[in-house]
Amino acid sequence: MARQMPEKIGETALHEDAMTGDGRIDFEIIEGLFFAYRDFISDPDAILEKSGFGRAHHRVVHFVNREPGMTVADLLDTLKITKQSLARVLKQLIDSGYIQQVAGP
């Protein structure tokens, strides 16, 4: 079955799959996605919380592990977060020994 282009509503694009036959939003699909996502992330969130970390910490560790030597500028560009947010997360990870900070060239 061919997928149709999303219908634009303001800045949000709604796919036909999330619409009822009469053009209204199918909230059951949206709520189902919410509950599935919540259940999917609950266990990892609990594991991270035991170490005092959250999803931001996990993302930083993931991308630094994937590309060792990654610069702060690269992380900022990848994660699309503020310098202040990244600095807080990096400090915690460096202080905990999960990330090693090395001076650049």
Foldseek 3Di string as FASTA:
>chain_A
DDFDFFDDDPPDTDGPVQADPVGHGNVVVVVVVVVVVCVVCVVVQVVQVVVPHGPVLVVVLVVCVVPPPDDPVNVCVVVVDDPVVVVVSVVVCVVVPSDPDDDDD
